[in-house]
Amino acid sequence: QQILRDAGKRAVERIHVACSDEGGNVELFMQAG
């Protein structure tokens, strides 16, 4: 959430991430939009 707030302030167009599908990784990011 802190990353998304700072990205919004700096007019970042896209935020990427790659992760393994374990430990709730995918669910965490999908919950964040």
PDB file of all heavy atoms in Angstrom:
ATOM      1  N   GLN A   1       0.820  -1.207   0.000  1.00  0.00           N
ATOM      2  CA  GLN A   1       0.000   0.000   0.000  1.00  0.00           C
ATOM      3  C   GLN A   1       0.858   1.262   0.000  1.00  0.00           C
ATOM      4  O   GLN A   1       0.526   2.255  -0.660  1.00  0.00           O
ATOM      5  CB  GLN A   1      -0.923   0.004   1.228  1.00  0.00           C
ATOM      6  CG  GLN A   1      -2.030  -1.038   1.171  1.00  0.00           C
ATOM      7  CD  GLN A   1      -2.943  -0.843  -0.025  1.00  0.00           C
ATOM      8  OE1 GLN A   1      -3.439   0.247  -0.264  1.00  0.00           O
ATOM      9  NE2 GLN A   1      -3.145  -1.904  -0.790  1.00  0.00           N
ATOM     10  N   GLN A   2       1.990   1.233   0.700  1.00  0.00           N
ATOM     11  CA  GLN A   2       2.886   2.396   0.689  1.00  0.00           C
ATOM     12  C   GLN A   2       3.491   2.598  -0.699  1.00  0.00           C
ATOM     13  O   GLN A   2       3.621   3.725  -1.181  1.00  0.00           O
ATOM     14  CB  GLN A   2       4.002   2.192   1.716  1.00  0.00           C
ATOM     15  CG  GLN A   2       4.962   3.375   1.841  1.00  0.00           C
ATOM     16  CD  GLN A   2       4.266   4.622   2.351  1.00  0.00           C
ATOM     17  OE1 GLN A   2       3.525   4.557   3.338  1.00  0.00           O
ATOM     18  NE2 GLN A   2       4.480   5.753   1.685  1.00  0.00           N
ATOM     19  N   ILE A   3       3.839   1.498  -1.355  1.00  0.00           N
ATOM     20  CA  ILE A   3       4.361   1.589  -2.721  1.00  0.00           C
ATOM     21  C   ILE A   3       3.326   2.210  -3.645  1.00  0.00           C
ATOM     22  O   ILE A   3       3.636   3.098  -4.463  1.00  0.00           O
ATOM     23  CB  ILE A   3       4.770   0.190  -3.224  1.00  0.00           C
ATOM     24  CG1 ILE A   3       5.999  -0.316  -2.455  1.00  0.00           C
ATOM     25  CG2 ILE A   3       5.059   0.218  -4.727  1.00  0.00           C
ATOM     26  CD1 ILE A   3       6.352  -1.757  -2.763  1.00  0.00           C
ATOM     27  N   LEU A   4       2.074   1.783  -3.530  1.00  0.00           N
ATOM     28  CA  LEU A   4       1.024   2.299  -4.406  1.00  0.00           C
ATOM     29  C   LEU A   4       0.779   3.788  -4.141  1.00  0.00           C
ATOM     30  O   LEU A   4       0.550   4.560  -5.084  1.00  0.00           O
ATOM     31  CB  LEU A   4      -0.266   1.505  -4.188  1.00  0.00           C
ATOM     32  CG  LEU A   4      -0.214   0.023  -4.572  1.00  0.00           C
ATOM     33  CD1 LEU A   4      -1.565  -0.638  -4.330  1.00  0.00           C
ATOM     34  CD2 LEU A   4       0.199  -0.160  -6.026  1.00  0.00           C
ATOM     35  N   ARG A   5       0.841   4.198  -2.888  1.00  0.00           N
ATOM     36  CA  ARG A   5       0.638   5.620  -2.578  1.00  0.00           C
ATOM     37  C   ARG A   5       1.752   6.469  -3.184  1.00  0.00           C
ATOM     38  O   ARG A   5       1.491   7.508  -3.807  1.00  0.00           O
ATOM     39  CB  ARG A   5       0.569   5.818  -1.064  1.00  0.00           C
ATOM     40  CG  ARG A   5      -0.760   5.441  -0.446  1.00  0.00           C
ATOM     41  CD  ARG A   5      -0.877   5.956   0.973  1.00  0.00           C
ATOM     42  NE  ARG A   5       0.074   5.300   1.872  1.00  0.00           N
ATOM     43  CZ  ARG A   5      -0.205   4.179   2.553  1.00  0.00           C
ATOM     44  NH1 ARG A   5      -1.388   3.596   2.434  1.00  0.00           N
ATOM     45  NH2 ARG A   5       0.703   3.657   3.354  1.00  0.00           N
ATOM     46  N   ASP A   6       2.997   6.031  -3.010  1.00  0.00           N
ATOM     47  CA  ASP A   6       4.113   6.801  -3.559  1.00  0.00           C
ATOM     48  C   ASP A   6       4.116   6.788  -5.079  1.00  0.00           C
ATOM     49  O   ASP A   6       4.455   7.782  -5.729  1.00  0.00           O
ATOM     50  CB  ASP A   6       5.438   6.248  -3.043  1.00  0.00           C
ATOM     51  CG  ASP A   6       5.708   6.658  -1.603  1.00  0.00           C
ATOM     52  OD1 ASP A   6       4.834   7.329  -1.005  1.00  0.00           O
ATOM     53  OD2 ASP A   6       6.773   6.309  -1.074  1.00  0.00           O
ATOM     54  N   ALA A   7       3.717   5.663  -5.670  1.00  0.00           N
ATOM     55  CA  ALA A   7       3.639   5.591  -7.132  1.00  0.00           C
ATOM     56  C   ALA A   7       2.591   6.561  -7.660  1.00  0.00           C
ATOM     57  O   ALA A   7       2.784   7.205  -8.703  1.00  0.00           O
ATOM     58  CB  ALA A   7       3.317   4.163  -7.569  1.00  0.00           C
ATOM     59  N   GLY A   8       1.462   6.697  -6.952  1.00  0.00           N
ATOM     60  CA  GLY A   8       0.442   7.649  -7.366  1.00  0.00           C
ATOM     61  C   GLY A   8       0.936   9.078  -7.309  1.00  0.00           C
ATOM     62  O   GLY A   8       0.636   9.892  -8.192  1.00  0.00           O
ATOM     63  N   LYS A   9       1.721   9.401  -6.273  1.00  0.00           N
ATOM     64  CA  LYS A   9       2.255  10.755  -6.154  1.00  0.00           C
ATOM     65  C   LYS A   9       3.244  11.079  -7.262  1.00  0.00           C
ATOM     66  O   LYS A   9       3.385  12.236  -7.666  1.00  0.00           O
ATOM     67  CB  LYS A   9       2.933  10.926  -4.794  1.00  0.00           C
ATOM     68  CG  LYS A   9       1.986  10.838  -3.598  1.00  0.00           C
ATOM     69  CD  LYS A   9       2.765  10.909  -2.293  1.00  0.00           C
ATOM     70  CE  LYS A   9       1.842  10.742  -1.091  1.00  0.00           C
ATOM     71  NZ  LYS A   9       2.615  10.748   0.185  1.00  0.00           N
ATOM     72  N   ARG A  10       3.956  10.073  -7.762  1.00  0.00           N
ATOM     73  CA  ARG A  10       4.977  10.285  -8.788  1.00  0.00           C
ATOM     74  C   ARG A  10       4.469  10.002 -10.194  1.00  0.00           C
ATOM     75  O   ARG A  10       5.246   9.930 -11.135  1.00  0.00           O
ATOM     76  CB  ARG A  10       6.195   9.410  -8.494  1.00  0.00           C
ATOM     77  CG  ARG A  10       6.788   9.643  -7.106  1.00  0.00           C
ATOM     78  CD  ARG A  10       8.101   8.927  -6.938  1.00  0.00           C
ATOM     79  NE  ARG A  10       8.529   8.892  -5.540  1.00  0.00           N
ATOM     80  CZ  ARG A  10       9.727   8.466  -5.138  1.00  0.00           C
ATOM     81  NH1 ARG A  10      10.607   8.055  -6.033  1.00  0.00           N
ATOM     82  NH2 ARG A  10      10.041   8.459  -3.853  1.00  0.00           N
ATOM     83  N   ALA A  11       3.165   9.832 -10.335  1.00  0.00           N
ATOM     84  CA  ALA A  11       2.539   9.612 -11.654  1.00  0.00           C
ATOM     85  C   ALA A  11       3.121   8.405 -12.372  1.00  0.00           C
ATOM     86  O   ALA A  11       3.368   8.436 -13.580  1.00  0.00           O
ATOM     87  CB  ALA A  11       2.686  10.868 -12.519  1.00  0.00           C
ATOM     88  N   VAL A  12       3.329   7.319 -11.643  1.00  0.00           N
ATOM     89  CA  VAL A  12       3.806   6.075 -12.248  1.00  0.00           C
ATOM     90  C   VAL A  12       2.665   5.439 -13.034  1.00  0.00           C
ATOM     91  O   VAL A  12       1.553   5.287 -12.526  1.00  0.00           O
ATOM     92  CB  VAL A  12       4.313   5.114 -11.155  1.00  0.00           C
ATOM     93  CG1 VAL A  12       4.719   3.781 -11.760  1.00  0.00           C
ATOM     94  CG2 VAL A  12       5.484   5.748 -10.412  1.00  0.00           C
ATOM     95  N   GLU A  13       2.935   5.069 -14.280  1.00  0.00           N
ATOM     96  CA  GLU A  13       1.877   4.528 -15.138  1.00  0.00           C
ATOM     97  C   GLU A  13       1.518   3.094 -14.774  1.00  0.00           C
ATOM     98  O   GLU A  13       0.339   2.741 -14.697  1.00  0.00           O
ATOM     99  CB  GLU A  13       2.314   4.586 -16.606  1.00  0.00           C
ATOM    100  CG  GLU A  13       2.458   5.988 -17.156  1.00  0.00           C
ATOM    101  CD  GLU A  13       2.787   5.977 -18.631  1.00  0.00           C
ATOM    102  OE1 GLU A  13       2.665   4.912 -19.266  1.00  0.00           O
ATOM    103  OE2 GLU A  13       3.167   7.029 -19.157  1.00  0.00           O
ATOM    104  N   ARG A  14       2.530   2.251 -14.571  1.00  0.00           N
ATOM    105  CA  ARG A  14       2.278   0.829 -14.309  1.00  0.00           C
ATOM    106  C   ARG A  14       3.215   0.347 -13.209  1.00  0.00           C
ATOM    107  O   ARG A  14       4.344   0.804 -13.096  1.00  0.00           O
ATOM    108  CB  ARG A  14       2.515  -0.017 -15.563  1.00  0.00           C
ATOM    109  CG  ARG A  14       1.601   0.282 -16.736  1.00  0.00           C
ATOM    110  CD  ARG A  14       1.986  -0.580 -17.938  1.00  0.00           C
ATOM    111  NE  ARG A  14       1.171  -0.283 -19.098  1.00  0.00           N
ATOM    112  CZ  ARG A  14       1.440   0.700 -19.953  1.00  0.00           C
ATOM    113  NH1 ARG A  14       2.511   1.471 -19.774  1.00  0.00           N
ATOM    114  NH2 ARG A  14       0.652   0.915 -20.983  1.00  0.00           N
ATOM    115  N   ILE A  15       2.725  -0.623 -12.441  1.00  0.00           N
ATOM    116  CA  ILE A  15       3.537  -1.280 -11.427  1.00  0.00           C
ATOM    117  C   ILE A  15       3.512  -2.771 -11.730  1.00  0.00           C
ATOM    118  O   ILE A  15       2.442  -3.383 -11.809  1.00  0.00           O
ATOM    119  CB  ILE A  15       3.011  -1.007 -10.010  1.00  0.00           C
ATOM    120  CG1 ILE A  15       2.953   0.503  -9.751  1.00  0.00           C
ATOM    121  CG2 ILE A  15       3.896  -1.680  -8.972  1.00  0.00           C
ATOM    122  CD1 ILE A  15       2.312   0.863  -8.435  1.00  0.00           C
ATOM    123  N   HIS A  16       4.673  -3.349 -11.920  1.00  0.00           N
ATOM    124  CA  HIS A  16       4.810  -4.771 -12.252  1.00  0.00           C
ATOM    125  C   HIS A  16       5.296  -5.548 -11.041  1.00  0.00           C
ATOM    126  O   HIS A  16       5.985  -5.021 -10.171  1.00  0.00           O
ATOM    127  CB  HIS A  16       5.826  -4.962 -13.386  1.00  0.00           C
ATOM    128  CG  HIS A  16       5.445  -4.343 -14.686  1.00  0.00           C
ATOM    129  ND1 HIS A  16       4.805  -5.030 -15.688  1.00  0.00           N
ATOM    130  CD2 HIS A  16       5.618  -3.078 -15.152  1.00  0.00           C
ATOM    131  CE1 HIS A  16       4.604  -4.224 -16.727  1.00  0.00           C
ATOM    132  NE2 HIS A  16       5.088  -3.041 -16.425  1.00  0.00           N
ATOM    133  N   VAL A  17       4.978  -6.825 -11.033  1.00  0.00           N
ATOM    134  CA  VAL A  17       5.546  -7.733 -10.046  1.00  0.00           C
ATOM    135  C   VAL A  17       5.436  -9.149 -10.610  1.00  0.00           C
ATOM    136  O   VAL A  17       4.500  -9.471 -11.342  1.00  0.00           O
ATOM    137  CB  VAL A  17       4.820  -7.630  -8.683  1.00  0.00           C
ATOM    138  CG1 VAL A  17       3.381  -8.121  -8.776  1.00  0.00           C
ATOM    139  CG2 VAL A  17       5.577  -8.386  -7.602  1.00  0.00           C
ATOM    140  N   ALA A  18       6.439  -9.953 -10.311  1.00  0.00           N
ATOM    141  CA  ALA A  18       6.418 -11.376 -10.636  1.00  0.00           C
ATOM    142  C   ALA A  18       6.651 -12.133  -9.348  1.00  0.00           C
ATOM    143  O   ALA A  18       7.496 -11.748  -8.527  1.00  0.00           O
ATOM    144  CB  ALA A  18       7.492 -11.719 -11.666  1.00  0.00           C
ATOM    145  N   CYS A  19       5.901 -13.219  -9.150  1.00  0.00           N
ATOM    146  CA  CYS A  19       6.014 -13.951  -7.888  1.00  0.00           C
ATOM    147  C   CYS A  19       5.608 -15.396  -8.094  1.00  0.00           C
ATOM    148  O   CYS A  19       4.909 -15.744  -9.045  1.00  0.00           O
ATOM    149  CB  CYS A  19       5.137 -13.314  -6.809  1.00  0.00           C
ATOM    150  SG  CYS A  19       3.380 -13.289  -7.222  1.00  0.00           S
ATOM    151  N   SER A  20       6.075 -16.239  -7.187  1.00  0.00           N
ATOM    152  CA  SER A  20       5.634 -17.625  -7.196  1.00  0.00           C
ATOM    153  C   SER A  20       4.227 -17.700  -6.604  1.00  0.00           C
ATOM    154  O   SER A  20       3.849 -16.878  -5.767  1.00  0.00           O
ATOM    155  CB  SER A  20       6.600 -18.494  -6.392  1.00  0.00           C
ATOM    156  OG  SER A  20       6.634 -18.061  -5.049  1.00  0.00           O
ATOM    157  N   ASP A  21       3.481 -18.680  -7.033  1.00  0.00           N
ATOM    158  CA  ASP A  21       2.096 -18.822  -6.575  1.00  0.00           C
ATOM    159  C   ASP A  21       2.078 -19.643  -5.282  1.00  0.00           C
ATOM    160  O   ASP A  21       1.582 -20.771  -5.228  1.00  0.00           O
ATOM    161  CB  ASP A  21       1.259 -19.488  -7.663  1.00  0.00           C
ATOM    162  CG  ASP A  21      -0.245 -19.326  -7.403  1.00  0.00           C
ATOM    163  OD1 ASP A  21      -0.591 -18.745  -6.365  1.00  0.00           O
ATOM    164  OD2 ASP A  21      -1.034 -19.778  -8.240  1.00  0.00           O
ATOM    165  N   GLU A  22       2.644 -19.061  -4.235  1.00  0.00           N
ATOM    166  CA  GLU A  22       2.709 -19.730  -2.938  1.00  0.00           C
ATOM    167  C   GLU A  22       2.738 -18.667  -1.853  1.00  0.00           C
ATOM    168  O   GLU A  22       3.015 -17.487  -2.115  1.00  0.00           O
ATOM    169  CB  GLU A  22       3.962 -20.605  -2.844  1.00  0.00           C
ATOM    170  CG  GLU A  22       5.249 -19.830  -2.972  1.00  0.00           C
ATOM    171  CD  GLU A  22       6.487 -20.718  -2.928  1.00  0.00           C
ATOM    172  OE1 GLU A  22       6.378 -21.929  -3.180  1.00  0.00           O
ATOM    173  OE2 GLU A  22       7.574 -20.181  -2.640  1.00  0.00           O
ATOM    174  N   GLY A  23       2.436 -19.068  -0.637  1.00  0.00           N
ATOM    175  CA  GLY A  23       2.501 -18.144   0.491  1.00  0.00           C
ATOM    176  C   GLY A  23       1.548 -16.974   0.379  1.00  0.00           C
ATOM    177  O   GLY A  23       1.781 -15.931   0.989  1.00  0.00           O
ATOM    178  N   GLY A  24       0.478 -17.110  -0.400  1.00  0.00           N
ATOM    179  CA  GLY A  24      -0.488 -16.028  -0.541  1.00  0.00           C
ATOM    180  C   GLY A  24      -0.009 -14.875  -1.392  1.00  0.00           C
ATOM    181  O   GLY A  24      -0.605 -13.784  -1.350  1.00  0.00           O
ATOM    182  N   ASN A  25       1.045 -15.078  -2.216  1.00  0.00           N
ATOM    183  CA  ASN A  25       1.590 -13.990  -3.017  1.00  0.00           C
ATOM    184  C   ASN A  25       0.573 -13.411  -3.994  1.00  0.00           C
ATOM    185  O   ASN A  25       0.326 -12.202  -4.027  1.00  0.00           O
ATOM    186  CB  ASN A  25       2.824 -14.473  -3.789  1.00  0.00           C
ATOM    187  CG  ASN A  25       4.056 -14.568  -2.925  1.00  0.00           C
ATOM    188  OD1 ASN A  25       4.234 -13.809  -1.985  1.00  0.00           O
ATOM    189  ND2 ASN A  25       4.911 -15.530  -3.225  1.00  0.00           N
ATOM    190  N   VAL A  26       0.000 -14.280  -4.816  1.00  0.00           N
ATOM    191  CA  VAL A  26      -0.924 -13.804  -5.851  1.00  0.00           C
ATOM    192  C   VAL A  26      -2.151 -13.163  -5.215  1.00  0.00           C
ATOM    193  O   VAL A  26      -2.607 -12.092  -5.644  1.00  0.00           O
ATOM    194  CB  VAL A  26      -1.324 -14.964  -6.788  1.00  0.00           C
ATOM    195  CG1 VAL A  26      -2.396 -14.516  -7.770  1.00  0.00           C
ATOM    196  CG2 VAL A  26      -0.102 -15.493  -7.543  1.00  0.00           C
ATOM    197  N   GLU A  27      -2.695 -13.787  -4.185  1.00  0.00           N
ATOM    198  CA  GLU A  27      -3.876 -13.240  -3.514  1.00  0.00           C
ATOM    199  C   GLU A  27      -3.587 -11.858  -2.923  1.00  0.00           C
ATOM    200  O   GLU A  27      -4.431 -10.955  -2.964  1.00  0.00           O
ATOM    201  CB  GLU A  27      -4.351 -14.193  -2.419  1.00  0.00           C
ATOM    202  CG  GLU A  27      -4.895 -15.518  -2.921  1.00  0.00           C
ATOM    203  CD  GLU A  27      -3.809 -16.517  -3.280  1.00  0.00           C
ATOM    204  OE1 GLU A  27      -2.615 -16.182  -3.099  1.00  0.00           O
ATOM    205  OE2 GLU A  27      -4.139 -17.622  -3.735  1.00  0.00           O
ATOM    206  N   LEU A  28      -2.388 -11.683  -2.371  1.00  0.00           N
ATOM    207  CA  LEU A  28      -2.009 -10.403  -1.784  1.00  0.00           C
ATOM    208  C   LEU A  28      -2.067  -9.284  -2.818  1.00  0.00           C
ATOM    209  O   LEU A  28      -2.654  -8.219  -2.579  1.00  0.00           O
ATOM    210  CB  LEU A  28      -0.594 -10.505  -1.203  1.00  0.00           C
ATOM    211  CG  LEU A  28       0.071  -9.186  -0.788  1.00  0.00           C
ATOM    212  CD1 LEU A  28      -0.598  -8.614   0.452  1.00  0.00           C
ATOM    213  CD2 LEU A  28       1.559  -9.401  -0.532  1.00  0.00           C
ATOM    214  N   PHE A  29      -1.477  -9.526  -3.991  1.00  0.00           N
ATOM    215  CA  PHE A  29      -1.433  -8.466  -5.003  1.00  0.00           C
ATOM    216  C   PHE A  29      -2.794  -8.248  -5.662  1.00  0.00           C
ATOM    217  O   PHE A  29      -3.150  -7.109  -5.988  1.00  0.00           O
ATOM    218  CB  PHE A  29      -0.369  -8.796  -6.053  1.00  0.00           C
ATOM    219  CG  PHE A  29       1.031  -8.609  -5.544  1.00  0.00           C
ATOM    220  CD1 PHE A  29       1.824  -9.703  -5.230  1.00  0.00           C
ATOM    221  CD2 PHE A  29       1.546  -7.338  -5.353  1.00  0.00           C
ATOM    222  CE1 PHE A  29       3.110  -9.523  -4.749  1.00  0.00           C
ATOM    223  CE2 PHE A  29       2.827  -7.153  -4.864  1.00  0.00           C
ATOM    224  CZ  PHE A  29       3.614  -8.255  -4.564  1.00  0.00           C
ATOM    225  N   MET A  30      -3.552  -9.299  -5.835  1.00  0.00           N
ATOM    226  CA  MET A  30      -4.878  -9.119  -6.419  1.00  0.00           C
ATOM    227  C   MET A  30      -5.782  -8.343  -5.456  1.00  0.00           C
ATOM    228  O   MET A  30      -6.616  -7.548  -5.881  1.00  0.00           O
ATOM    229  CB  MET A  30      -5.477 -10.475  -6.795  1.00  0.00           C
ATOM    230  CG  MET A  30      -4.714 -11.172  -7.907  1.00  0.00           C
ATOM    231  SD  MET A  30      -5.478 -12.686  -8.519  1.00  0.00           S
ATOM    232  CE  MET A  30      -6.847 -12.021  -9.452  1.00  0.00           C
ATOM    233  N   GLN A  31      -5.596  -8.547  -4.159  1.00  0.00           N
ATOM    234  CA  GLN A  31      -6.352  -7.769  -3.180  1.00  0.00           C
ATOM    235  C   GLN A  31      -5.975  -6.289  -3.256  1.00  0.00           C
ATOM    236  O   GLN A  31      -6.789  -5.402  -2.988  1.00  0.00           O
ATOM    237  CB  GLN A  31      -6.087  -8.309  -1.774  1.00  0.00           C
ATOM    238  CG  GLN A  31      -6.900  -7.611  -0.685  1.00  0.00           C
ATOM    239  CD  GLN A  31      -6.617  -8.171   0.691  1.00  0.00           C
ATOM    240  OE1 GLN A  31      -5.827  -9.099   0.851  1.00  0.00           O
ATOM    241  NE2 GLN A  31      -7.262  -7.610   1.702  1.00  0.00           N
ATOM    242  N   ALA A  32      -4.731  -6.011  -3.666  1.00  0.00           N
ATOM    243  CA  ALA A  32      -4.262  -4.626  -3.782  1.00  0.00           C
ATOM    244  C   ALA A  32      -4.592  -4.019  -5.145  1.00  0.00           C
ATOM    245  O   ALA A  32      -4.172  -2.888  -5.421  1.00  0.00           O
ATOM    246  CB  ALA A  32      -2.762  -4.566  -3.539  1.00  0.00           C
ATOM    247  N   GLY A  33      -5.311  -4.754  -5.995  1.00  0.00           N
ATOM    248  CA  GLY A  33      -5.742  -4.193  -7.270  1.00  0.00           C
ATOM    249  C   GLY A  33      -4.923  -4.608  -8.462  1.00  0.00           C
ATOM    250  O   GLY A  33      -5.147  -4.102  -9.571  1.00  0.00           O
TER     251      GLY A  33
END
